[in-house]
Amino acid sequence: MGLLTSVRFQQRRVIPFPHSYKSHQNPDLISQTCNYPIPSARSGRRIPIVTVRALSTKAASASTPPSKMVKAIRVHEHGGPEVLKWEDVEIGEPKEGEIRVKNKAIGLNFIDVYFRKGVYKAHDLPFTPGTEAAGVVTAVGPGLTGRQVGDLVAYADNPMGSYTEEQILPANKVVPVPSSIDPIIAASIILKGMTAQFLLRRCFKVEPRHTILVHEAAGGVGSILSQWANALGATVIGAVSTKEKASQAKDDGCHHVIIYKEEDFVSRVNEITCGNGVDVVYDSVGKDTFQGSLACLKTRGYMVSFGQSSGTPDPVPLSALAVKSLFLTRPSLMQYTATRDELLETAAEVFANVASGVLRVRVNHTYPLSQAVQAHVDLESRKTSGSVVLIP
């Protein structure tokens, strides 16, 4: 703590304790001066009198803003839902180009399961999962413009780490949320809605003459895909796992609904399309449905594989696509919102469709963030439908 500032020599003179202190003009920066003799010095000799200046703890830390502790879900090892741990984590102040956001609602997505299991690899262990949230800006980094404290914002996909009460985010990765949209709605649709947007509008541009097949049509993304495709004028075939989900899929705009457990979806699609097949399949299931999805396509049809909730599909030889000149893609939102303009345009179209009523957001399940373990259990066992939201 002490900083040597001067040494001078004089005849030995004892200054009794307590030491004399001299107050600095700045009350937050206290100058403490202590003059006393070296105990081992002999009388009569010129000895050093040491003037020591010390800074108070308050002053020493003034240039470094204090961090604080918040609660978050942490993953220290890959595995089942039980590896999700509710812990204290430290959060500091935003740096240049960053903002700090207090999350109001956090979206739960199957990609969170992939990272938890290690199917997708996080940069480091431990890590905080989560790729979707909406919240209020609580601090902005130095020199940042365009964002201010109190703004309601949302983000999706990158960076990972939304399972927390509060987080630091790159300012260019968040989007403004219209005042007419509740944070829970924003958190439940920003990732899923932007995924649906690029799948329907850019990956394969759905038009009125098209017939499409949507797997997991009552799920978070599937529900939005079904509603949006119906609004675009397409004929929508939805595949679901239960009668309850079949009812929801109907409400969401599916013209035909197939229940996996009761009928073979390939045969049923062939029947519905009079043997022609569909223009595009949106498959988020993966291993269990992949080959059947390829069989459902018409000549020059598009196979869009954007998830793998049942596991990674087996490798597909190019010769399997050649039979009907099929197109196969494994797209990611990150590549479709790579620029700031793409991100803003994609989010704006999603929020506009919510505001106009084209998209009805189904937040069918909410859990406290501290109960993320149970939320993951329910998601993986297909007990959920629509959007699932965690509340900090």
Protein backbone atom coordinates (compact mmCIF):
# COMPACT_ATOMS: atom_id res chain seq x y z
CA MET A 1 0.00 0.00 0.00
CA GLY A 2 2.83 2.41 0.89
CA LEU A 3 4.65 4.48 -1.71
CA LEU A 4 8.06 5.96 -0.78
CA THR A 5 8.07 9.61 -1.73
CA SER A 6 11.01 11.19 0.13
CA VAL A 7 13.92 10.46 2.43
CA ARG A 8 15.70 13.16 4.41
CA PHE A 9 18.38 13.14 7.15
CA GLN A 10 18.34 14.96 10.49
CA GLN A 11 19.28 14.45 14.11
CA ARG A 12 17.22 11.74 15.78
CA ARG A 13 13.91 13.13 16.92
CA VAL A 14 11.09 10.93 18.16
CA ILE A 15 7.60 11.84 17.03
CA PRO A 16 5.10 10.15 19.28
CA PHE A 17 2.22 8.10 17.99
CA PRO A 18 -0.34 8.63 16.72
CA HIS A 19 1.33 9.76 13.52
CA SER A 20 0.52 13.15 12.07
CA TYR A 21 -1.76 13.03 9.01
CA LYS A 22 -2.26 15.66 6.42
CA SER A 23 -5.55 15.76 4.55
CA HIS A 24 -5.48 16.11 0.77
CA GLN A 25 -7.72 18.63 -0.91
CA ASN A 26 -9.60 15.78 -2.56
CA PRO A 27 -11.47 13.94 0.25
CA ASP A 28 -11.52 10.76 -1.84
CA LEU A 29 -7.72 10.77 -2.08
CA ILE A 30 -6.24 10.90 1.41
CA SER A 31 -2.54 11.76 1.75
CA GLN A 32 -1.16 10.08 4.85
CA THR A 33 2.27 11.38 6.03
CA CYS A 34 4.09 9.48 8.75
CA ASN A 35 7.45 10.64 10.18
CA TYR A 36 9.19 8.30 12.60
CA PRO A 37 12.75 7.20 13.41
CA ILE A 38 14.32 3.91 12.44
CA PRO A 39 14.26 1.86 15.68
CA SER A 40 17.78 0.45 15.27
CA ALA A 41 19.48 3.84 14.87
CA ARG A 42 21.93 4.93 17.55
CA SER A 43 21.53 8.24 19.28
CA GLY A 44 23.46 11.09 17.77
CA ARG A 45 23.68 9.69 14.27
CA ARG A 46 22.05 11.21 11.24
CA ILE A 47 19.31 8.78 10.32
CA PRO A 48 16.71 8.71 7.57
CA ILE A 49 13.33 10.06 8.37
CA VAL A 50 10.94 8.36 5.94
CA THR A 51 7.92 10.19 4.63
CA VAL A 52 5.41 7.63 3.38
CA ARG A 53 2.41 8.54 1.28
CA ALA A 54 -0.42 6.05 1.08
CA LEU A 55 -3.58 6.13 -0.96
CA SER A 56 -6.85 5.08 0.52
CA THR A 57 -8.56 1.95 -0.80
CA LYS A 58 -11.33 4.11 -2.19
CA ALA A 59 -8.88 6.13 -4.25
CA ALA A 60 -6.96 3.11 -5.50
CA SER A 61 -10.05 1.56 -6.93
CA ALA A 62 -11.53 4.74 -8.37
CA SER A 63 -10.16 4.13 -11.86
CA THR A 64 -11.53 0.57 -11.99
CA PRO A 65 -15.34 0.41 -11.72
CA PRO A 66 -16.40 -2.33 -9.33
CA SER A 67 -17.89 -5.51 -10.74
CA LYS A 68 -20.99 -7.13 -9.31
CA MET A 69 -22.39 -10.62 -8.96
CA VAL A 70 -25.43 -11.94 -10.83
CA LYS A 71 -27.04 -15.36 -11.08
CA ALA A 72 -26.56 -17.50 -14.19
CA ILE A 73 -26.74 -21.06 -15.46
CA ARG A 74 -23.27 -22.55 -16.00
CA VAL A 75 -22.13 -25.74 -17.75
CA HIS A 76 -18.86 -27.23 -16.44
CA GLU A 77 -19.09 -30.51 -18.37
CA HIS A 78 -21.16 -31.85 -21.24
CA GLY A 79 -24.07 -34.12 -20.44
CA GLY A 80 -27.74 -34.29 -19.55
CA PRO A 81 -29.89 -31.55 -18.06
CA GLU A 82 -28.30 -32.13 -14.65
CA VAL A 83 -25.08 -30.40 -15.78
CA LEU A 84 -26.91 -27.05 -15.78
CA LYS A 85 -25.78 -25.34 -12.57
CA TRP A 86 -27.30 -22.23 -10.94
CA GLU A 87 -24.35 -20.12 -9.84
CA ASP A 88 -23.08 -16.64 -9.04
CA VAL A 89 -21.02 -15.03 -11.79
CA GLU A 90 -19.19 -11.74 -11.98
CA ILE A 91 -20.18 -9.02 -14.44
CA GLY A 92 -18.26 -5.83 -15.04
CA GLU A 93 -18.81 -2.64 -17.01
CA PRO A 94 -19.26 -2.58 -20.81
CA LYS A 95 -16.21 -1.64 -22.85
CA GLU A 96 -16.07 0.28 -26.10
CA GLY A 97 -18.73 -1.02 -28.51
CA GLU A 98 -20.55 -2.93 -25.76
CA ILE A 99 -23.70 -2.59 -23.67
CA ARG A 100 -24.89 -4.24 -20.48
CA VAL A 101 -28.41 -5.69 -20.59
CA LYS A 102 -30.63 -6.85 -17.73
CA ASN A 103 -32.58 -9.75 -19.22
CA LYS A 104 -36.35 -9.71 -18.82
CA ALA A 105 -36.99 -12.98 -20.66
CA ILE A 106 -34.82 -15.69 -22.23
CA GLY A 107 -35.84 -17.95 -25.09
CA LEU A 108 -35.24 -21.71 -24.79
CA ASN A 109 -34.19 -23.44 -28.02
CA PHE A 110 -33.04 -26.90 -29.01
CA ILE A 111 -29.65 -25.51 -29.98
CA ASP A 112 -29.12 -24.97 -26.24
CA VAL A 113 -29.40 -28.74 -25.83
CA TYR A 114 -26.83 -29.30 -28.58
CA PHE A 115 -24.30 -27.11 -26.79
CA ARG A 116 -25.09 -28.66 -23.42
CA LYS A 117 -24.49 -32.17 -24.79
CA GLY A 118 -21.39 -31.17 -26.73
CA VAL A 119 -22.92 -31.85 -30.17
CA TYR A 120 -21.96 -28.26 -30.87
CA LYS A 121 -18.81 -27.10 -29.11
CA ALA A 122 -18.61 -23.99 -26.98
CA HIS A 123 -15.28 -22.18 -27.03
CA ASP A 124 -14.49 -23.03 -23.41
CA LEU A 125 -15.74 -24.84 -20.34
CA PRO A 126 -17.41 -23.68 -18.22
CA PHE A 127 -19.85 -21.65 -20.30
CA THR A 128 -23.25 -20.01 -20.01
CA PRO A 129 -25.72 -21.40 -22.58
CA GLY A 130 -28.50 -19.53 -24.36
CA THR A 131 -28.83 -17.70 -27.67
CA GLU A 132 -32.01 -15.63 -27.34
CA ALA A 133 -33.14 -12.93 -24.92
CA ALA A 134 -34.79 -9.56 -24.49
CA GLY A 135 -33.99 -7.02 -21.83
CA VAL A 136 -33.31 -3.44 -20.83
CA VAL A 137 -30.00 -1.65 -21.37
CA THR A 138 -28.45 -0.77 -17.99
CA ALA A 139 -25.09 0.64 -19.14
CA VAL A 140 -23.33 1.60 -22.38
CA GLY A 141 -19.65 1.52 -23.21
CA PRO A 142 -17.56 4.67 -23.67
CA GLY A 143 -18.27 6.65 -26.82
CA LEU A 144 -21.17 4.44 -27.89
CA THR A 145 -24.02 6.07 -29.80
CA GLY A 146 -27.33 4.66 -30.96
CA ARG A 147 -28.10 2.87 -27.68
CA GLN A 148 -28.91 4.35 -24.30
CA VAL A 149 -29.82 3.21 -20.81
CA GLY A 150 -33.47 2.18 -20.67
CA ASP A 151 -33.73 0.90 -24.26
CA LEU A 152 -35.57 -2.40 -24.74
CA VAL A 153 -33.48 -4.63 -26.98
CA ALA A 154 -33.31 -8.24 -28.10
CA TYR A 155 -30.64 -10.47 -29.57
CA ALA A 156 -30.35 -13.91 -31.09
CA ASP A 157 -27.80 -16.54 -32.07
CA ASN A 158 -24.50 -14.90 -31.21
CA PRO A 159 -22.83 -14.49 -28.76
CA MET A 160 -23.95 -17.39 -26.61
CA GLY A 161 -24.67 -16.70 -22.95
CA SER A 162 -28.26 -15.55 -22.41
CA TYR A 163 -29.02 -17.84 -19.41
CA THR A 164 -28.15 -15.08 -16.97
CA GLU A 165 -29.78 -12.23 -15.10
CA GLU A 166 -27.54 -9.66 -16.76
CA GLN A 167 -24.93 -9.80 -19.53
CA ILE A 168 -22.49 -7.79 -21.62
CA LEU A 169 -23.28 -7.76 -25.36
CA PRO A 170 -21.77 -6.25 -28.50
CA ALA A 171 -24.00 -3.29 -29.34
CA ASN A 172 -24.08 -4.26 -33.03
CA LYS A 173 -25.64 -7.64 -32.20
CA VAL A 174 -28.80 -6.34 -30.55
CA VAL A 175 -31.91 -5.02 -32.25
CA PRO A 176 -34.42 -2.48 -30.93
CA VAL A 177 -37.76 -3.91 -29.81
CA PRO A 178 -40.87 -1.90 -30.69
CA SER A 179 -42.66 -0.48 -27.66
CA SER A 180 -45.81 -2.40 -28.65
CA ILE A 181 -44.10 -5.77 -28.11
CA ASP A 182 -43.71 -7.25 -24.64
CA PRO A 183 -40.22 -8.48 -23.66
CA ILE A 184 -41.53 -12.04 -23.19
CA ILE A 185 -42.92 -12.02 -26.73
CA ALA A 186 -39.69 -10.53 -28.07
CA ALA A 187 -37.56 -13.15 -26.33
CA SER A 188 -39.77 -15.96 -27.52
CA ILE A 189 -39.68 -14.97 -31.19
CA ILE A 190 -36.50 -13.11 -32.04
CA LEU A 191 -34.41 -16.23 -32.78
CA LYS A 192 -37.26 -18.43 -33.97
CA GLY A 193 -38.85 -15.67 -36.02
CA MET A 194 -35.62 -14.66 -37.75
CA THR A 195 -34.95 -18.35 -38.43
CA ALA A 196 -38.36 -18.68 -40.06
CA GLN A 197 -37.77 -15.50 -42.04
CA PHE A 198 -34.57 -16.64 -43.71
CA LEU A 199 -35.91 -20.18 -44.25
CA LEU A 200 -39.09 -18.99 -45.98
CA ARG A 201 -37.92 -15.80 -47.65
CA ARG A 202 -34.31 -16.44 -48.66
CA CYS A 203 -33.12 -20.02 -48.23
CA PHE A 204 -36.09 -21.18 -50.32
CA LYS A 205 -38.47 -18.41 -51.35
CA VAL A 206 -41.95 -19.75 -50.65
CA GLU A 207 -44.71 -18.59 -53.02
CA PRO A 208 -48.46 -19.27 -53.37
CA ARG A 209 -48.01 -22.17 -55.82
CA HIS A 210 -45.76 -24.14 -53.47
CA THR A 211 -46.57 -27.11 -51.23
CA ILE A 212 -44.31 -27.45 -48.21
CA LEU A 213 -43.73 -29.99 -45.42
CA VAL A 214 -42.91 -28.69 -41.93
CA HIS A 215 -41.65 -31.16 -39.33
CA GLU A 216 -42.40 -30.42 -35.67
CA ALA A 217 -45.08 -28.03 -36.89
CA ALA A 218 -46.26 -27.30 -33.35
CA GLY A 219 -42.77 -26.46 -32.07
CA GLY A 220 -41.26 -23.03 -31.59
CA VAL A 221 -39.96 -22.55 -35.13
CA GLY A 222 -42.49 -24.92 -36.71
CA SER A 223 -45.44 -22.91 -35.41
CA ILE A 224 -44.05 -19.71 -36.93
CA LEU A 225 -43.13 -21.42 -40.21
CA SER A 226 -46.68 -22.77 -40.54
CA GLN A 227 -48.36 -19.43 -39.89
CA TRP A 228 -46.01 -17.46 -42.14
CA ALA A 229 -46.12 -19.95 -45.03
CA ASN A 230 -49.91 -19.98 -44.88
CA ALA A 231 -49.93 -16.17 -45.05
CA LEU A 232 -47.68 -16.39 -48.13
CA GLY A 233 -50.30 -18.55 -49.83
CA ALA A 234 -48.50 -21.91 -49.74
CA THR A 235 -50.16 -25.25 -49.02
CA VAL A 236 -48.76 -26.32 -45.66
CA ILE A 237 -48.41 -29.93 -44.51
CA GLY A 238 -47.45 -30.18 -40.85
CA ALA A 239 -46.05 -33.24 -39.09
CA VAL A 240 -46.43 -33.55 -35.30
CA SER A 241 -46.17 -36.20 -32.57
CA THR A 242 -49.54 -36.01 -30.75
CA LYS A 243 -53.21 -35.21 -31.31
CA GLU A 244 -52.93 -32.16 -29.05
CA LYS A 245 -50.13 -30.79 -31.19
CA ALA A 246 -52.11 -31.64 -34.33
CA SER A 247 -54.88 -29.33 -33.10
CA GLN A 248 -52.40 -26.50 -32.59
CA ALA A 249 -50.84 -27.07 -36.01
CA LYS A 250 -54.27 -26.72 -37.57
CA ASP A 251 -54.82 -23.46 -35.73
CA ASP A 252 -51.44 -22.26 -36.97
CA GLY A 253 -52.43 -22.66 -40.60
CA CYS A 254 -51.49 -26.21 -41.59
CA HIS A 255 -53.87 -27.42 -44.29
CA HIS A 256 -52.95 -31.04 -43.62
CA VAL A 257 -51.58 -32.52 -40.39
CA ILE A 258 -49.76 -35.83 -40.04
CA ILE A 259 -49.28 -37.53 -36.66
CA TYR A 260 -45.99 -39.45 -36.74
CA LYS A 261 -47.11 -42.08 -34.26
CA GLU A 262 -50.25 -42.98 -36.14
CA GLU A 263 -49.23 -42.91 -39.80
CA ASP A 264 -46.22 -43.02 -42.09
CA PHE A 265 -45.51 -39.44 -43.08
CA VAL A 266 -43.94 -40.38 -46.44
CA SER A 267 -47.00 -42.32 -47.55
CA ARG A 268 -49.32 -39.60 -46.30
CA VAL A 269 -47.42 -36.83 -48.12
CA ASN A 270 -47.51 -38.91 -51.30
CA GLU A 271 -51.27 -39.25 -50.89
CA ILE A 272 -51.86 -35.56 -50.19
CA THR A 273 -49.78 -34.46 -53.20
CA CYS A 274 -51.18 -37.12 -55.55
CA GLY A 275 -47.71 -38.60 -55.93
CA ASN A 276 -46.04 -35.33 -56.93
CA GLY A 277 -44.19 -34.63 -53.68
CA VAL A 278 -43.54 -31.28 -52.03
CA ASP A 279 -41.45 -28.36 -53.21
CA VAL A 280 -39.52 -28.04 -49.95
CA VAL A 281 -39.15 -29.85 -46.64
CA TYR A 282 -38.19 -27.94 -43.49
CA ASP A 283 -36.69 -30.62 -41.26
CA SER A 284 -35.49 -29.85 -37.73
CA VAL A 285 -35.72 -33.46 -36.49
CA GLY A 286 -32.70 -34.92 -38.26
CA LYS A 287 -31.82 -38.59 -38.02
CA ASP A 288 -35.34 -40.02 -37.58
CA THR A 289 -36.91 -38.16 -40.50
CA PHE A 290 -34.06 -37.28 -42.88
CA GLN A 291 -34.36 -40.12 -45.40
CA GLY A 292 -38.14 -39.91 -45.37
CA SER A 293 -37.95 -36.18 -46.01
CA LEU A 294 -35.83 -36.76 -49.11
CA ALA A 295 -38.42 -39.27 -50.33
CA CYS A 296 -41.20 -36.66 -49.94
CA LEU A 297 -39.60 -34.19 -52.37
CA LYS A 298 -40.66 -33.65 -55.94
CA THR A 299 -38.13 -33.44 -58.75
CA ARG A 300 -35.76 -30.52 -58.13
CA GLY A 301 -37.16 -30.18 -54.62
CA TYR A 302 -35.32 -28.54 -51.73
CA MET A 303 -34.33 -30.37 -48.58
CA VAL A 304 -33.71 -27.78 -45.85
CA SER A 305 -32.19 -29.47 -42.78
CA PHE A 306 -31.98 -26.87 -40.01
CA GLY A 307 -31.90 -29.01 -36.86
CA GLN A 308 -31.30 -32.49 -35.48
CA SER A 309 -33.38 -33.02 -32.35
CA SER A 310 -33.31 -36.82 -32.87
CA GLY A 311 -29.61 -36.94 -33.68
CA THR A 312 -27.24 -36.27 -36.57
CA PRO A 313 -28.47 -37.69 -39.90
CA ASP A 314 -26.44 -40.41 -41.56
CA PRO A 315 -24.14 -39.27 -44.38
CA VAL A 316 -25.87 -38.85 -47.73
CA PRO A 317 -24.06 -39.84 -50.96
CA LEU A 318 -24.42 -37.33 -53.77
CA SER A 319 -25.88 -40.10 -55.91
CA ALA A 320 -28.94 -40.13 -53.64
CA LEU A 321 -29.67 -36.54 -54.64
CA ALA A 322 -29.09 -37.20 -58.33
CA VAL A 323 -32.16 -39.45 -58.65
CA LYS A 324 -34.48 -36.41 -58.63
CA SER A 325 -31.89 -33.62 -58.97
CA LEU A 326 -32.54 -32.59 -55.39
CA PHE A 327 -31.07 -29.62 -53.55
CA LEU A 328 -29.78 -30.10 -50.00
CA THR A 329 -28.78 -27.33 -47.61
CA ARG A 330 -27.88 -27.06 -43.92
CA PRO A 331 -28.33 -23.33 -43.26
CA SER A 332 -27.58 -21.27 -40.17
CA LEU A 333 -29.06 -17.94 -39.10
CA MET A 334 -25.57 -16.55 -38.56
CA GLN A 335 -24.80 -16.60 -42.27
CA TYR A 336 -28.11 -14.94 -43.13
CA THR A 337 -27.65 -12.06 -40.67
CA ALA A 338 -23.93 -11.58 -41.22
CA THR A 339 -24.19 -7.82 -41.76
CA ARG A 340 -25.83 -5.22 -39.57
CA ASP A 341 -28.30 -4.34 -42.33
CA GLU A 342 -29.32 -7.99 -42.77
CA LEU A 343 -29.85 -8.35 -39.03
CA LEU A 344 -31.99 -5.22 -38.75
CA GLU A 345 -34.06 -6.04 -41.85
CA THR A 346 -34.70 -9.60 -40.72
CA ALA A 347 -35.76 -8.58 -37.20
CA ALA A 348 -37.89 -5.71 -38.51
CA GLU A 349 -39.89 -8.06 -40.76
CA VAL A 350 -40.47 -10.44 -37.85
CA PHE A 351 -41.68 -7.71 -35.50
CA ALA A 352 -43.84 -6.19 -38.24
CA ASN A 353 -45.59 -9.53 -38.77
CA VAL A 354 -46.17 -9.87 -35.04
CA ALA A 355 -47.60 -6.35 -34.82
CA SER A 356 -49.90 -6.91 -37.81
CA GLY A 357 -51.22 -10.23 -36.52
CA VAL A 358 -49.72 -12.37 -39.28
CA LEU A 359 -47.76 -14.19 -36.57
CA ARG A 360 -49.33 -15.23 -33.28
CA VAL A 361 -46.66 -16.01 -30.72
CA ARG A 362 -47.50 -19.00 -28.56
CA VAL A 363 -45.64 -18.77 -25.27
CA ASN A 364 -47.05 -22.03 -23.93
CA HIS A 365 -44.48 -22.63 -21.19
CA THR A 366 -42.53 -20.38 -18.81
CA TYR A 367 -40.01 -21.47 -16.17
CA PRO A 368 -37.88 -19.54 -13.68
CA LEU A 369 -34.33 -19.36 -15.01
CA SER A 370 -33.21 -21.26 -11.89
CA GLN A 371 -35.32 -24.21 -13.12
CA ALA A 372 -33.61 -24.53 -16.49
CA VAL A 373 -32.92 -28.20 -15.74
CA GLN A 374 -36.63 -29.02 -15.76
CA ALA A 375 -37.19 -26.91 -18.87
CA HIS A 376 -34.54 -28.91 -20.73
CA VAL A 377 -36.06 -32.21 -19.55
CA ASP A 378 -39.47 -31.19 -20.84
CA LEU A 379 -38.12 -29.87 -24.14
CA GLU A 380 -36.15 -33.02 -24.91
CA SER A 381 -39.06 -35.30 -24.03
CA ARG A 382 -41.29 -33.33 -26.42
CA LYS A 383 -43.64 -32.27 -23.63
CA THR A 384 -43.54 -28.66 -24.82
CA SER A 385 -45.20 -26.89 -27.72
CA GLY A 386 -44.86 -23.40 -29.10
CA SER A 387 -42.28 -21.18 -27.44
CA VAL A 388 -40.63 -21.84 -24.08
CA VAL A 389 -39.35 -18.89 -22.05
CA LEU A 390 -37.11 -18.68 -18.99
CA ILE A 391 -37.73 -15.78 -16.59
CA PRO A 392 -34.73 -14.44 -14.59
